[in-house]
Amino acid sequence: MTKGGYTYLLASGRNGTLYIGVTSQLDARWFQHRSWTSKGFTGRYHVNRLVWYEQHETIEQAITREKQLKRWNRAWKIQLIEKDNPNWEDLAQRWYEAG
């Protein structure tokens, strides 16, 4: 059985630094970013707000989408975020507020 996957965008804040990633476990990956366990890009630039994500049937589809988004210019990425999340809310916070 092939696992599904997620493509996601993190931001440091509204119109801030953006990070595009892919994972099979979005909640666990977000927690890693949020708790600064990563010493890489997201930790260095404090990019930990989940502002957009997309679920895919397979991890391969998620990786393909990640590669596509990484080729996009910044304005297109911002439009993608603002289409569904105009206030740049941390979507992961909803998971924890909902219980």
Protein backbone atom coordinates (compact mmCIF):
# COMPACT_ATOMS: atom_id res chain seq x y z
CA MET A 1 0.00 0.00 0.00
CA THR A 2 1.38 3.38 -1.02
CA LYS A 3 1.17 6.16 1.53
CA GLY A 4 -0.43 9.45 0.66
CA GLY A 5 1.44 12.70 0.90
CA TYR A 6 1.19 16.41 1.44
CA THR A 7 2.77 19.38 -0.24
CA TYR A 8 2.87 22.40 2.04
CA LEU A 9 3.99 26.00 2.36
CA LEU A 10 5.34 27.49 5.56
CA ALA A 11 5.90 31.19 6.15
CA SER A 12 7.69 33.27 8.74
CA GLY A 13 4.73 35.67 8.69
CA ARG A 14 2.50 37.49 6.25
CA ASN A 15 4.51 38.03 3.05
CA GLY A 16 7.57 36.71 4.88
CA THR A 17 10.07 34.02 4.02
CA LEU A 18 8.48 30.99 2.35
CA TYR A 19 9.40 27.31 2.51
CA ILE A 20 7.96 24.54 0.34
CA GLY A 21 8.02 21.00 1.64
CA VAL A 22 6.60 17.52 1.23
CA THR A 23 5.77 14.87 3.82
CA SER A 24 3.65 11.82 4.48
CA GLN A 25 2.73 13.06 7.99
CA LEU A 26 1.86 16.74 7.92
CA ASP A 27 1.10 17.16 11.62
CA ALA A 28 4.36 15.52 12.73
CA ARG A 29 6.41 17.47 10.19
CA TRP A 30 4.81 20.77 11.22
CA PHE A 31 5.62 19.99 14.85
CA GLN A 32 9.27 19.44 13.89
CA HIS A 33 9.36 22.83 12.18
CA ARG A 34 7.51 24.50 15.05
CA SER A 35 9.75 23.12 17.78
CA TRP A 36 12.93 24.19 15.94
CA THR A 37 14.29 20.64 15.87
CA SER A 38 15.49 21.41 12.36
CA LYS A 39 18.75 23.34 12.22
CA GLY A 40 18.24 24.01 8.52
CA PHE A 41 16.45 26.71 6.57
CA THR A 42 13.22 26.78 8.59
CA GLY A 43 15.03 27.05 11.91
CA ARG A 44 17.43 29.70 10.66
CA TYR A 45 14.65 31.90 9.22
CA HIS A 46 11.92 31.08 11.79
CA VAL A 47 9.63 29.70 9.11
CA ASN A 48 7.01 27.78 11.08
CA ARG A 49 3.54 29.00 10.12
CA LEU A 50 1.63 26.48 7.97
CA VAL A 51 -0.16 28.77 5.50
CA TRP A 52 -1.11 26.31 2.73
CA TYR A 53 -1.19 22.58 2.11
CA GLU A 54 -2.52 20.11 -0.39
CA GLN A 55 -3.19 16.41 0.14
CA HIS A 56 -2.23 13.85 -2.52
CA GLU A 57 -3.08 10.19 -3.00
CA THR A 58 0.59 9.22 -3.23
CA ILE A 59 3.85 10.64 -1.94
CA GLU A 60 5.09 10.66 -5.53
CA GLN A 61 2.29 13.05 -6.52
CA ALA A 62 3.17 15.27 -3.57
CA ILE A 63 6.83 15.34 -4.63
CA THR A 64 5.86 16.21 -8.20
CA ARG A 65 3.73 19.10 -6.93
CA GLU A 66 6.55 20.28 -4.65
CA LYS A 67 8.94 20.41 -7.61
CA GLN A 68 6.36 22.34 -9.63
CA LEU A 69 5.82 24.91 -6.88
CA LYS A 70 9.56 25.38 -6.39
CA ARG A 71 9.74 26.54 -10.02
CA TRP A 72 7.01 29.14 -9.46
CA ASN A 73 7.85 32.76 -8.81
CA ARG A 74 7.09 34.28 -5.43
CA ALA A 75 3.99 36.18 -6.62
CA TRP A 76 2.34 32.95 -7.80
CA LYS A 77 3.03 31.30 -4.43
CA ILE A 78 1.52 34.26 -2.59
CA GLN A 79 -1.58 34.09 -4.81
CA LEU A 80 -1.91 30.37 -4.03
CA ILE A 81 -1.77 31.08 -0.29
CA GLU A 82 -4.13 34.05 -0.38
CA LYS A 83 -6.73 32.21 -2.46
CA ASP A 84 -7.56 29.90 0.47
CA ASN A 85 -5.91 31.68 3.41
CA PRO A 86 -6.10 35.46 2.85
CA ASN A 87 -5.11 36.25 6.44
CA TRP A 88 -2.08 33.93 6.41
CA GLU A 89 -3.37 32.11 9.49
CA ASP A 90 -1.39 29.19 10.87
CA LEU A 91 -3.63 26.37 9.65
CA ALA A 92 -2.03 23.88 12.03
CA GLN A 93 -3.20 25.93 15.01
CA ARG A 94 -6.76 24.96 14.07
CA TRP A 95 -5.89 21.30 14.69
CA TYR A 96 -4.87 22.06 18.25
CA GLU A 97 -7.69 24.52 18.97
CA ALA A 98 -10.24 21.97 17.74
CA GLY A 99 -8.92 19.51 20.32
